[in-house]
PDB file of N, CA and C in Angstrom:
ATOM      1  N   UNK A   1       0.606  -1.427   0.126  1.00  0.00           N
ATOM      2  CA  UNK A   1       0.228  -0.030  -0.167  1.00  0.00           C
ATOM      3  C   UNK A   1       0.580   1.519  -0.751  1.00  0.00           C
ATOM      4  N   UNK A   2       0.266   1.991  -0.651  1.00  0.00           N
ATOM      5  CA  UNK A   2       1.399   3.259  -0.596  1.00  0.00           C
ATOM      6  C   UNK A   2       0.814   4.539  -0.378  1.00  0.00           C
ATOM      7  N   UNK A   3       1.447   4.773   0.470  1.00  0.00           N
ATOM      8  CA  UNK A   3       0.074   6.087   1.170  1.00  0.00           C
ATOM      9  C   UNK A   3       1.001   7.405   1.739  1.00  0.00           C
ATOM     10  N   UNK A   4       0.999   8.280   1.230  1.00  0.00           N
ATOM     11  CA  UNK A   4       0.936  10.016   1.375  1.00  0.00           C
ATOM     12  C   UNK A   4       0.569   9.990   2.723  1.00  0.00           C
ATOM     13  N   UNK A   5       1.715  10.792   3.056  1.00  0.00           N
ATOM     14  CA  UNK A   5       1.034  11.940   4.606  1.00  0.00           C
ATOM     15  C   UNK A   5       0.949  13.074   4.092  1.00  0.00           C
ATOM     16  N   UNK A   6      -0.002  13.655   4.130  1.00  0.00           N
ATOM     17  CA  UNK A   6      -0.298  15.283   3.172  1.00  0.00           C
ATOM     18  C   UNK A   6      -0.359  16.059   4.356  1.00  0.00           C
ATOM     19  N   UNK A   7      -0.034  16.151   5.988  1.00  0.00           N
ATOM     20  CA  UNK A   7       0.209  17.290   7.178  1.00  0.00           C
ATOM     21  C   UNK A   7       1.560  17.160   7.474  1.00  0.00           C
ATOM     22  N   UNK A   8       3.128  17.404   6.774  1.00  0.00           N
ATOM     23  CA  UNK A   8       3.577  16.499   7.835  1.00  0.00           C
ATOM     24  C   UNK A   8       4.476  17.524   8.354  1.00  0.00           C
ATOM     25  N   UNK A   9       5.021  17.368   9.335  1.00  0.00           N
ATOM     26  CA  UNK A   9       5.981  18.468  10.466  1.00  0.00           C
ATOM     27  C   UNK A   9       7.267  17.473  10.896  1.00  0.00           C
ATOM     28  N   UNK A  10       8.578  18.358  11.379  1.00  0.00           N
ATOM     29  CA  UNK A  10       9.428  17.559  12.158  1.00  0.00           C
ATOM     30  C   UNK A  10       9.207  16.392  13.196  1.00  0.00           C
ATOM     31  N   UNK A  11      10.059  16.386  13.322  1.00  0.00           N
ATOM     32  CA  UNK A  11       9.848  14.844  14.497  1.00  0.00           C
ATOM     33  C   UNK A  11       8.150  13.772  14.686  1.00  0.00           C
ATOM     34  N   UNK A  12       7.674  13.228  13.060  1.00  0.00           N
ATOM     35  CA  UNK A  12       6.733  13.332  13.415  1.00  0.00           C
ATOM     36  C   UNK A  12       6.882  11.366  12.885  1.00  0.00           C
ATOM     37  N   UNK A  13       7.825  11.405  12.198  1.00  0.00           N
ATOM     38  CA  UNK A  13       8.146  10.084  11.529  1.00  0.00           C
ATOM     39  C   UNK A  13       9.490   9.557  12.216  1.00  0.00           C
ATOM     40  N   UNK A  14       9.558   8.294  12.002  1.00  0.00           N
ATOM     41  CA  UNK A  14      10.560   7.560  11.893  1.00  0.00           C
ATOM     42  C   UNK A  14      10.943   6.584  10.587  1.00  0.00           C
ATOM     43  N   UNK A  15      11.917   7.288  10.692  1.00  0.00           N
ATOM     44  CA  UNK A  15      13.231   6.077   9.211  1.00  0.00           C
ATOM     45  C   UNK A  15      13.855   4.754  10.048  1.00  0.00           C
ATOM     46  N   UNK A  16      13.517   3.583  10.360  1.00  0.00           N
ATOM     47  CA  UNK A  16      14.335   2.686  10.314  1.00  0.00           C
ATOM     48  C   UNK A  16      14.212   2.018   9.288  1.00  0.00           C
ATOM     49  N   UNK A  17      15.794   1.303   9.982  1.00  0.00           N
ATOM     50  CA  UNK A  17      16.537   0.327   8.469  1.00  0.00           C
ATOM     51  C   UNK A  17      16.476  -1.308   9.504  1.00  0.00           C
ATOM     52  N   UNK A  18      16.954  -2.318   8.537  1.00  0.00           N
ATOM     53  CA  UNK A  18      16.100  -3.293   9.097  1.00  0.00           C
ATOM     54  C   UNK A  18      17.874  -3.993   9.916  1.00  0.00           C
ATOM     55  N   UNK A  19      18.728  -2.733   9.832  1.00  0.00           N
ATOM     56  CA  UNK A  19      20.010  -3.180  11.103  1.00  0.00           C
ATOM     57  C   UNK A  19      20.139  -2.626  11.857  1.00  0.00           C
ATOM     58  N   UNK A  20      18.265  -2.142  12.626  1.00  0.00           N
ATOM     59  CA  UNK A  20      18.389  -1.513  13.348  1.00  0.00           C
ATOM     60  C   UNK A  20      18.271  -0.079  14.009  1.00  0.00           C
ATOM     61  N   UNK A  21      19.169   0.376  13.177  1.00  0.00           N
ATOM     62  CA  UNK A  21      19.671   1.778  13.004  1.00  0.00           C
ATOM     63  C   UNK A  21      17.988   2.560  12.562  1.00  0.00           C
ATOM     64  N   UNK A  22      17.976   3.660  13.001  1.00  0.00           N
ATOM     65  CA  UNK A  22      17.222   4.640  12.737  1.00  0.00           C
ATOM     66  C   UNK A  22      17.483   5.694  13.340  1.00  0.00           C
ATOM     67  N   UNK A  23      16.709   6.827  12.597  1.00  0.00           N
ATOM     68  CA  UNK A  23      16.764   8.589  12.818  1.00  0.00           C
ATOM     69  C   UNK A  23      15.367   8.569  12.824  1.00  0.00           C
ATOM     70  N   UNK A  24      14.602   9.855  13.291  1.00  0.00           N
ATOM     71  CA  UNK A  24      14.291  10.386  13.326  1.00  0.00           C
ATOM     72  C   UNK A  24      13.653  11.387  11.615  1.00  0.00           C
ATOM     73  N   UNK A  25      12.945  11.652  11.205  1.00  0.00           N
ATOM     74  CA  UNK A  25      13.088  12.653  10.310  1.00  0.00           C
ATOM     75  C   UNK A  25      13.614  13.728   9.824  1.00  0.00           C
ATOM     76  N   UNK A  26      13.647  14.302  11.890  1.00  0.00           N
ATOM     77  CA  UNK A  26      14.576  15.666  11.459  1.00  0.00           C
ATOM     78  C   UNK A  26      15.939  15.935  11.852  1.00  0.00           C
ATOM     79  N   UNK A  27      17.004  14.367  11.651  1.00  0.00           N
ATOM     80  CA  UNK A  27      17.948  14.135  11.812  1.00  0.00           C
ATOM     81  C   UNK A  27      18.151  13.795  13.161  1.00  0.00           C
ATOM     82  N   UNK A  28      17.623  14.313  14.258  1.00  0.00           N
ATOM     83  CA  UNK A  28      18.228  14.332  15.599  1.00  0.00           C
ATOM     84  C   UNK A  28      19.186  13.017  15.851  1.00  0.00           C
ATOM     85  N   UNK A  29      18.202  12.323  15.985  1.00  0.00           N
ATOM     86  CA  UNK A  29      18.010  10.780  17.002  1.00  0.00           C
ATOM     87  C   UNK A  29      18.386   9.641  16.080  1.00  0.00           C
ATOM     88  N   UNK A  30      19.397   8.848  16.511  1.00  0.00           N
ATOM     89  CA  UNK A  30      20.016   7.660  16.270  1.00  0.00           C
ATOM     90  C   UNK A  30      20.880   7.918  15.663  1.00  0.00           C
ATOM     91  N   UNK A  31      21.377   6.911  15.027  1.00  0.00           N
ATOM     92  CA  UNK A  31      22.682   7.376  14.253  1.00  0.00           C
ATOM     93  C   UNK A  31      23.454   6.819  13.005  1.00  0.00           C
ATOM     94  N   UNK A  32      24.288   6.247  12.619  1.00  0.00           N
ATOM     95  CA  UNK A  32      23.728   6.172  10.354  1.00  0.00           C
ATOM     96  C   UNK A  32      22.667   5.122   9.608  1.00  0.00           C
ATOM     97  N   UNK A  33      22.769   5.304   8.761  1.00  0.00           N
ATOM     98  CA  UNK A  33      21.730   4.654   7.770  1.00  0.00           C
ATOM     99  C   UNK A  33      22.500   4.415   6.756  1.00  0.00           C
ATOM    100  N   UNK A  34      23.934   3.426   6.480  1.00  0.00           N
ATOM    101  CA  UNK A  34      24.272   3.345   5.850  1.00  0.00           C
ATOM    102  C   UNK A  34      24.476   2.827   4.736  1.00  0.00           C
ATOM    103  N   UNK A  35      23.517   2.166   4.139  1.00  0.00           N
ATOM    104  CA  UNK A  35      23.161   1.360   3.198  1.00  0.00           C
ATOM    105  C   UNK A  35      22.331   0.052   3.734  1.00  0.00           C
ATOM    106  N   UNK A  36      21.438   0.500   3.824  1.00  0.00           N
ATOM    107  CA  UNK A  36      20.207  -0.326   4.048  1.00  0.00           C
ATOM    108  C   UNK A  36      19.632  -1.073   3.046  1.00  0.00           C
ATOM    109  N   UNK A  37      19.469  -2.117   3.593  1.00  0.00           N
ATOM    110  CA  UNK A  37      18.387  -3.570   2.614  1.00  0.00           C
ATOM    111  C   UNK A  37      17.195  -2.645   2.302  1.00  0.00           C
ATOM    112  N   UNK A  38      17.125  -2.017   3.516  1.00  0.00           N
ATOM    113  CA  UNK A  38      15.233  -2.205   3.157  1.00  0.00           C
ATOM    114  C   UNK A  38      15.313  -0.508   4.614  1.00  0.00           C
ATOM    115  N   UNK A  39      14.369  -0.112   4.560  1.00  0.00           N
ATOM    116  CA  UNK A  39      13.633   1.065   4.742  1.00  0.00           C
ATOM    117  C   UNK A  39      12.318   0.875   4.689  1.00  0.00           C
ATOM    118  N   UNK A  40      11.717   1.398   6.708  1.00  0.00           N
ATOM    119  CA  UNK A  40      10.086   1.663   7.108  1.00  0.00           C
ATOM    120  C   UNK A  40      10.586   2.693   7.742  1.00  0.00           C
ATOM    121  N   UNK A  41       9.330   3.702   7.198  1.00  0.00           N
ATOM    122  CA  UNK A  41       8.839   4.737   7.273  1.00  0.00           C
ATOM    123  C   UNK A  41       7.893   4.474   9.030  1.00  0.00           C
ATOM    124  N   UNK A  42       8.384   5.225  10.200  1.00  0.00           N
ATOM    125  CA  UNK A  42       7.173   4.965  11.324  1.00  0.00           C
ATOM    126  C   UNK A  42       6.648   6.451  10.947  1.00  0.00           C
ATOM    127  N   UNK A  43       5.179   6.105  10.604  1.00  0.00           N
ATOM    128  CA  UNK A  43       4.559   7.256  11.011  1.00  0.00           C
ATOM    129  C   UNK A  43       4.267   7.276  12.426  1.00  0.00           C
ATOM    130  N   UNK A  44       4.917   9.120  13.436  1.00  0.00           N
ATOM    131  CA  UNK A  44       3.987   9.276  14.832  1.00  0.00           C
ATOM    132  C   UNK A  44       2.436  10.208  14.593  1.00  0.00           C
ATOM    133  N   UNK A  45       2.149  10.147  13.744  1.00  0.00           N
ATOM    134  CA  UNK A  45       0.899  11.249  13.697  1.00  0.00           C
ATOM    135  C   UNK A  45       0.938  11.093  12.371  1.00  0.00           C
ATOM    136  N   UNK A  46      -0.211  10.253  11.932  1.00  0.00           N
ATOM    137  CA  UNK A  46      -1.019  10.105  10.419  1.00  0.00           C
ATOM    138  C   UNK A  46      -1.833  11.783  10.249  1.00  0.00           C
ATOM    139  N   UNK A  47      -2.154  11.703  11.033  1.00  0.00           N
ATOM    140  CA  UNK A  47      -2.850  12.914  10.643  1.00  0.00           C
ATOM    141  C   UNK A  47      -3.849  13.115   9.429  1.00  0.00           C
ATOM    142  N   UNK A  48      -3.271  14.298   8.534  1.00  0.00           N
ATOM    143  CA  UNK A  48      -4.143  13.650   7.026  1.00  0.00           C
ATOM    144  C   UNK A  48      -3.518  12.521   6.008  1.00  0.00           C
ATOM    145  N   UNK A  49      -3.694  11.742   5.772  1.00  0.00           N
ATOM    146  CA  UNK A  49      -3.187  10.291   5.298  1.00  0.00           C
ATOM    147  C   UNK A  49      -3.955   9.783   4.438  1.00  0.00           C
ATOM    148  N   UNK A  50      -3.314   9.103   3.237  1.00  0.00           N
ATOM    149  CA  UNK A  50      -4.096   9.263   1.864  1.00  0.00           C
ATOM    150  C   UNK A  50      -3.664   7.918   1.127  1.00  0.00           C
ATOM    151  N   UNK A  51      -4.436   6.697   0.297  1.00  0.00           N
ATOM    152  CA  UNK A  51      -2.933   5.855  -0.568  1.00  0.00           C
ATOM    153  C   UNK A  51      -3.753   6.675  -1.643  1.00  0.00           C
ATOM    154  N   UNK A  52      -2.269   6.381  -2.635  1.00  0.00           N
ATOM    155  CA  UNK A  52      -3.066   7.013  -4.284  1.00  0.00           C
ATOM    156  C   UNK A  52      -2.909   5.637  -5.450  1.00  0.00           C
ATOM    157  N   UNK A  53      -3.620   6.131  -6.495  1.00  0.00           N
ATOM    158  CA  UNK A  53      -3.520   5.044  -7.382  1.00  0.00           C
ATOM    159  C   UNK A  53      -1.477   4.889  -7.788  1.00  0.00           C
ATOM    160  N   UNK A  54      -1.141   4.273  -8.691  1.00  0.00           N
ATOM    161  CA  UNK A  54       0.545   4.613  -9.079  1.00  0.00           C
ATOM    162  C   UNK A  54       0.320   5.927 -10.293  1.00  0.00           C
ATOM    163  N   UNK A  55      -0.705   5.114 -10.503  1.00  0.00           N
ATOM    164  CA  UNK A  55      -0.666   7.784 -11.918  1.00  0.00           C
ATOM    165  C   UNK A  55      -0.712   8.209 -11.098  1.00  0.00           C
ATOM    166  N   UNK A  56      -1.483   8.312  -9.580  1.00  0.00           N
ATOM    167  CA  UNK A  56      -1.987   9.674  -8.831  1.00  0.00           C
ATOM    168  C   UNK A  56      -0.281   9.624  -8.196  1.00  0.00           C
ATOM    169  N   UNK A  57      -0.193   9.424  -7.846  1.00  0.00           N
ATOM    170  CA  UNK A  57       1.175   9.327  -7.326  1.00  0.00           C
ATOM    171  C   UNK A  57       2.636   9.175  -8.457  1.00  0.00           C
ATOM    172  N   UNK A  58       2.819   9.241  -9.495  1.00  0.00           N
ATOM    173  CA  UNK A  58       3.061   9.281 -10.482  1.00  0.00           C
ATOM    174  C   UNK A  58       3.197  10.908 -10.730  1.00  0.00           C
ATOM    175  N   UNK A  59       2.158  11.689 -10.911  1.00  0.00           N
ATOM    176  CA  UNK A  59       1.939  12.678 -11.366  1.00  0.00           C
ATOM    177  C   UNK A  59       1.820  13.596  -9.484  1.00  0.00           C
ATOM    178  N   UNK A  60       1.687  13.361  -8.557  1.00  0.00           N
ATOM    179  CA  UNK A  60       2.013  14.420  -7.155  1.00  0.00           C
ATOM    180  C   UNK A  60       3.604  13.983  -7.923  1.00  0.00           C
ATOM    181  N   UNK A  61       4.558  13.102  -7.814  1.00  0.00           N
ATOM    182  CA  UNK A  61       6.122  13.320  -7.746  1.00  0.00           C
ATOM    183  C   UNK A  61       6.633  14.247  -8.443  1.00  0.00           C
ATOM    184  N   UNK A  62       5.742  13.434  -9.370  1.00  0.00           N
ATOM    185  CA  UNK A  62       6.324  14.258 -11.218  1.00  0.00           C
ATOM    186  C   UNK A  62       5.685  16.345 -11.015  1.00  0.00           C
ATOM    187  N   UNK A  63       4.463  16.190 -10.748  1.00  0.00           N
ATOM    188  CA  UNK A  63       4.561  17.757  -9.847  1.00  0.00           C
ATOM    189  C   UNK A  63       6.126  18.739  -8.326  1.00  0.00           C
ATOM    190  N   UNK A  64       6.447  17.280  -8.125  1.00  0.00           N
ATOM    191  CA  UNK A  64       6.514  18.028  -6.265  1.00  0.00           C
ATOM    192  C   UNK A  64       8.330  18.242  -7.499  1.00  0.00           C
ATOM    193  N   UNK A  65       8.946  17.258  -7.931  1.00  0.00           N
ATOM    194  CA  UNK A  65      10.136  17.068  -8.706  1.00  0.00           C
ATOM    195  C   UNK A  65      10.365  18.606  -9.327  1.00  0.00           C
ATOM    196  N   UNK A  66       9.406  19.177 -10.265  1.00  0.00           N
ATOM    197  CA  UNK A  66       9.158  20.600 -11.284  1.00  0.00           C
ATOM    198  C   UNK A  66       9.049  21.281  -9.868  1.00  0.00           C
ATOM    199  N   UNK A  67       8.692  21.160  -8.916  1.00  0.00           N
ATOM    200  CA  UNK A  67       8.435  22.466  -7.482  1.00  0.00           C
ATOM    201  C   UNK A  67       9.563  23.166  -7.277  1.00  0.00           C
ATOM    202  N   UNK A  68      10.240  21.172  -6.247  1.00  0.00           N
ATOM    203  CA  UNK A  68      11.855  20.970  -6.454  1.00  0.00           C
ATOM    204  C   UNK A  68      12.715  21.654  -6.873  1.00  0.00           C
ATOM    205  N   UNK A  69      12.570  21.660  -8.578  1.00  0.00           N
ATOM    206  CA  UNK A  69      14.241  22.004  -9.589  1.00  0.00           C
ATOM    207  C   UNK A  69      13.976  23.600 -10.122  1.00  0.00           C
ATOM    208  N   UNK A  70      12.942  24.333  -9.808  1.00  0.00           N
ATOM    209  CA  UNK A  70      12.674  25.442 -10.218  1.00  0.00           C
ATOM    210  C   UNK A  70      12.452  25.465 -11.052  1.00  0.00           C
ATOM    211  N   UNK A  71      11.390  24.824 -11.926  1.00  0.00           N
ATOM    212  CA  UNK A  71      10.658  24.691 -12.782  1.00  0.00           C
ATOM    213  C   UNK A  71       9.421  24.699 -12.801  1.00  0.00           C
ATOM    214  N   UNK A  72       8.964  26.146 -12.629  1.00  0.00           N
ATOM    215  CA  UNK A  72       7.647  25.956 -12.657  1.00  0.00           C
ATOM    216  C   UNK A  72       6.723  25.999 -13.969  1.00  0.00           C
ATOM    217  N   UNK A  73       7.344  25.829 -14.972  1.00  0.00           N
ATOM    218  CA  UNK A  73       6.748  25.971 -16.298  1.00  0.00           C
ATOM    219  C   UNK A  73       6.293  24.685 -16.182  1.00  0.00           C
ATOM    220  N   UNK A  74       7.310  23.629 -16.152  1.00  0.00           N
ATOM    221  CA  UNK A  74       6.397  22.450 -15.559  1.00  0.00           C
ATOM    222  C   UNK A  74       5.647  22.199 -15.247  1.00  0.00           C
ATOM    223  N   UNK A  75       5.555  22.353 -13.955  1.00  0.00           N
ATOM    224  CA  UNK A  75       4.774  22.160 -12.882  1.00  0.00           C
ATOM    225  C   UNK A  75       3.428  22.358 -13.489  1.00  0.00           C
ATOM    226  N   UNK A  76       3.022  23.807 -14.265  1.00  0.00           N
ATOM    227  CA  UNK A  76       1.890  24.530 -14.616  1.00  0.00           C
ATOM    228  C   UNK A  76       1.797  23.245 -16.020  1.00  0.00           C
ATOM    229  N   UNK A  77       2.654  22.989 -16.629  1.00  0.00           N
ATOM    230  CA  UNK A  77       2.060  21.995 -18.120  1.00  0.00           C
ATOM    231  C   UNK A  77       1.470  20.839 -17.696  1.00  0.00           C
ATOM    232  N   UNK A  78       2.301  20.378 -16.433  1.00  0.00           N
ATOM    233  CA  UNK A  78       1.603  18.849 -15.833  1.00  0.00           C
ATOM    234  C   UNK A  78       0.120  19.037 -14.717  1.00  0.00           C
ATOM    235  N   UNK A  79       0.034  20.252 -14.379  1.00  0.00           N
ATOM    236  CA  UNK A  79      -1.469  20.342 -14.115  1.00  0.00           C
ATOM    237  C   UNK A  79      -2.574  20.104 -14.964  1.00  0.00           C
ATOM    238  N   UNK A  80      -2.172  21.232 -16.221  1.00  0.00           N
ATOM    239  CA  UNK A  80      -3.222  21.446 -17.446  1.00  0.00           C
ATOM    240  C   UNK A  80      -3.105  19.902 -17.450  1.00  0.00           C
ATOM    241  N   UNK A  81      -2.048  19.097 -18.646  1.00  0.00           N
ATOM    242  CA  UNK A  81      -1.959  18.099 -18.800  1.00  0.00           C
ATOM    243  C   UNK A  81      -2.105  16.879 -18.262  1.00  0.00           C
ATOM    244  N   UNK A  82      -2.386  16.881 -16.631  1.00  0.00           N
ATOM    245  CA  UNK A  82      -3.174  15.558 -16.937  1.00  0.00           C
ATOM    246  C   UNK A  82      -4.255  16.044 -15.392  1.00  0.00           C
ATOM    247  N   UNK A  83      -4.753  16.879 -15.753  1.00  0.00           N
ATOM    248  CA  UNK A  83      -6.155  16.670 -15.008  1.00  0.00           C
ATOM    249  C   UNK A  83      -6.995  16.705 -15.388  1.00  0.00           C
ATOM    250  N   UNK A  84      -7.806  15.490 -14.418  1.00  0.00           N
ATOM    251  CA  UNK A  84      -9.037  15.387 -14.948  1.00  0.00           C
ATOM    252  C   UNK A  84     -10.027  16.111 -15.585  1.00  0.00           C
ATOM    253  N   UNK A  85     -10.417  16.964 -15.106  1.00  0.00           N
ATOM    254  CA  UNK A  85     -11.316  18.458 -15.152  1.00  0.00           C
ATOM    255  C   UNK A  85      -9.879  20.100 -15.722  1.00  0.00           C
ATOM    256  N   UNK A  86      -9.713  20.266 -16.291  1.00  0.00           N
ATOM    257  CA  UNK A  86      -9.568  21.427 -16.770  1.00  0.00           C
ATOM    258  C   UNK A  86     -10.257  22.193 -17.520  1.00  0.00           C
ATOM    259  N   UNK A  87      -9.863  23.964 -18.022  1.00  0.00           N
ATOM    260  CA  UNK A  87     -10.515  24.274 -18.880  1.00  0.00           C
ATOM    261  C   UNK A  87      -9.304  25.521 -19.584  1.00  0.00           C
ATOM    262  N   UNK A  88      -8.519  25.068 -19.133  1.00  0.00           N
ATOM    263  CA  UNK A  88      -6.963  25.969 -19.735  1.00  0.00           C
ATOM    264  C   UNK A  88      -6.442  26.135 -21.205  1.00  0.00           C
ATOM    265  N   UNK A  89      -6.975  24.192 -21.163  1.00  0.00           N
ATOM    266  CA  UNK A  89      -6.219  23.805 -23.123  1.00  0.00           C
ATOM    267  C   UNK A  89      -7.389  24.306 -24.040  1.00  0.00           C
ATOM    268  N   UNK A  90      -8.881  25.348 -23.505  1.00  0.00           N
ATOM    269  CA  UNK A  90     -10.113  25.518 -24.085  1.00  0.00           C
ATOM    270  C   UNK A  90      -9.236  27.189 -24.939  1.00  0.00           C
ATOM    271  N   UNK A  91      -8.250  27.477 -24.284  1.00  0.00           N
ATOM    272  CA  UNK A  91      -9.017  29.043 -24.234  1.00  0.00           C
ATOM    273  C   UNK A  91      -7.555  28.596 -25.006  1.00  0.00           C
ATOM    274  N   UNK A  92      -6.964  29.714 -26.061  1.00  0.00           N
ATOM    275  CA  UNK A  92      -6.077  30.081 -26.680  1.00  0.00           C
ATOM    276  C   UNK A  92      -5.532  30.840 -25.962  1.00  0.00           C
ATOM    277  N   UNK A  93      -4.151  30.145 -25.345  1.00  0.00           N
ATOM    278  CA  UNK A  93      -2.508  30.554 -24.331  1.00  0.00           C
ATOM    279  C   UNK A  93      -2.404  30.050 -23.401  1.00  0.00           C
ATOM    280  N   UNK A  94      -4.482  29.716 -22.867  1.00  0.00           N
ATOM    281  CA  UNK A  94      -4.294  29.320 -21.600  1.00  0.00           C
ATOM    282  C   UNK A  94      -3.751  28.544 -21.051  1.00  0.00           C
ATOM    283  N   UNK A  95      -2.670  27.153 -21.728  1.00  0.00           N
ATOM    284  CA  UNK A  95      -1.651  26.435 -21.027  1.00  0.00           C
ATOM    285  C   UNK A  95      -0.657  27.989 -20.792  1.00  0.00           C
ATOM    286  N   UNK A  96      -0.808  28.432 -21.260  1.00  0.00           N
ATOM    287  CA  UNK A  96       0.772  28.757 -21.802  1.00  0.00           C
ATOM    288  C   UNK A  96       0.810  29.780 -20.440  1.00  0.00           C
ATOM    289  N   UNK A  97       0.116  30.769 -19.690  1.00  0.00           N
ATOM    290  CA  UNK A  97      -0.685  31.377 -18.744  1.00  0.00           C
ATOM    291  C   UNK A  97      -0.372  31.179 -18.103  1.00  0.00           C
ATOM    292  N   UNK A  98      -1.049  29.081 -18.010  1.00  0.00           N
ATOM    293  CA  UNK A  98      -1.311  28.962 -16.298  1.00  0.00           C
ATOM    294  C   UNK A  98       0.064  28.831 -15.723  1.00  0.00           C
ATOM    295  N   UNK A  99       1.055  28.156 -17.400  1.00  0.00           N
ATOM    296  CA  UNK A  99       1.941  27.475 -16.638  1.00  0.00           C
ATOM    297  C   UNK A  99       3.308  29.071 -16.050  1.00  0.00           C
ATOM    298  N   UNK A 100       3.165  30.002 -17.082  1.00  0.00           N
ATOM    299  CA  UNK A 100       3.680  31.618 -16.412  1.00  0.00           C
ATOM    300  C   UNK A 100       3.253  31.650 -15.332  1.00  0.00           C
ATOM    301  N   UNK A 101       2.167  32.129 -14.632  1.00  0.00           N
ATOM    302  CA  UNK A 101       1.073  31.984 -13.672  1.00  0.00           C
ATOM    303  C   UNK A 101       2.350  31.418 -12.759  1.00  0.00           C
ATOM    304  N   UNK A 102       2.297  30.226 -13.130  1.00  0.00           N
ATOM    305  CA  UNK A 102       2.526  28.784 -11.956  1.00  0.00           C
ATOM    306  C   UNK A 102       4.227  29.370 -11.615  1.00  0.00           C
ATOM    307  N   UNK A 103       4.748  29.612 -12.818  1.00  0.00           N
ATOM    308  CA  UNK A 103       6.652  29.798 -12.897  1.00  0.00           C
ATOM    309  C   UNK A 103       7.401  30.912 -12.483  1.00  0.00           C
ATOM    310  N   UNK A 104       5.798  32.348 -12.200  1.00  0.00           N
ATOM    311  CA  UNK A 104       6.137  32.802 -11.340  1.00  0.00           C
ATOM    312  C   UNK A 104       6.266  32.745  -9.411  1.00  0.00           C
ATOM    313  N   UNK A 105       5.244  31.864  -9.886  1.00  0.00           N
ATOM    314  CA  UNK A 105       4.505  32.187  -8.066  1.00  0.00           C
ATOM    315  C   UNK A 105       5.973  30.700  -7.590  1.00  0.00           C
ATOM    316  N   UNK A 106       6.572  30.020  -8.258  1.00  0.00           N
ATOM    317  CA  UNK A 106       7.548  28.633  -7.874  1.00  0.00           C
ATOM    318  C   UNK A 106       9.011  29.680  -8.038  1.00  0.00           C
ATOM    319  N   UNK A 107       9.115  31.314  -8.386  1.00  0.00           N
ATOM    320  CA  UNK A 107      10.163  31.382  -8.044  1.00  0.00           C
ATOM    321  C   UNK A 107      10.786  32.453  -6.935  1.00  0.00           C
ATOM    322  N   UNK A 108       9.528  33.167  -6.716  1.00  0.00           N
ATOM    323  CA  UNK A 108       9.507  33.950  -5.801  1.00  0.00           C
ATOM    324  C   UNK A 108       9.676  32.729  -4.306  1.00  0.00           C
ATOM    325  N   UNK A 109       9.042  31.620  -4.198  1.00  0.00           N
ATOM    326  CA  UNK A 109       9.037  30.669  -3.175  1.00  0.00           C
ATOM    327  C   UNK A 109      10.703  30.540  -2.763  1.00  0.00           C
ATOM    328  N   UNK A 110      10.745  29.485  -4.595  1.00  0.00           N
ATOM    329  CA  UNK A 110      12.481  29.218  -3.740  1.00  0.00           C
ATOM    330  C   UNK A 110      13.373  30.785  -3.696  1.00  0.00           C
ATOM    331  N   UNK A 111      12.835  31.630  -4.351  1.00  0.00           N
ATOM    332  CA  UNK A 111      14.139  33.389  -3.596  1.00  0.00           C
ATOM    333  C   UNK A 111      13.543  33.367  -2.294  1.00  0.00           C
ATOM    334  N   UNK A 112      12.446  32.971  -1.667  1.00  0.00           N
ATOM    335  CA  UNK A 112      12.456  33.278  -0.120  1.00  0.00           C
ATOM    336  C   UNK A 112      13.015  32.447   0.400  1.00  0.00           C
ATOM    337  N   UNK A 113      13.339  31.260  -0.081  1.00  0.00           N
ATOM    338  CA  UNK A 113      14.484  30.549   0.865  1.00  0.00           C
ATOM    339  C   UNK A 113      15.973  30.228   1.398  1.00  0.00           C
TER     340      UNK A 113
END
C-alpha cells in the first residue's frame, strides 16, 4: 500500500533500517543509515493521510520534482495536461498563461528560501 502523508512536520516520523538503526525525520536521533537493504517509515502522527493509485502517485511525484527543481512552467504544464477536468487548454494561450503564472509563484518561493 502506498500512503502519502499530507501534513508532515519535523519529528512525526522515524526511518528504520533492517539493521536496527533509526533516525527521526529531522535527523536528530539515532545513528548512521549506511546502505540499508530495506527501510520502513513509521508515522507517529498520521494526521491527514491517503492512499494513491500508481498514476496519481506518479503525477504528484512529477509535480513536486518540478517545483523542487524550480521549473514552474513544467509544473503548470503537468497540472493542465494531467488534470481530470480543466479549461485552460480550451482558451487560446491558456495553458501557457497558467504555466507562466505558476512559474512566477515557484520563482518567488525559491527566492524566499
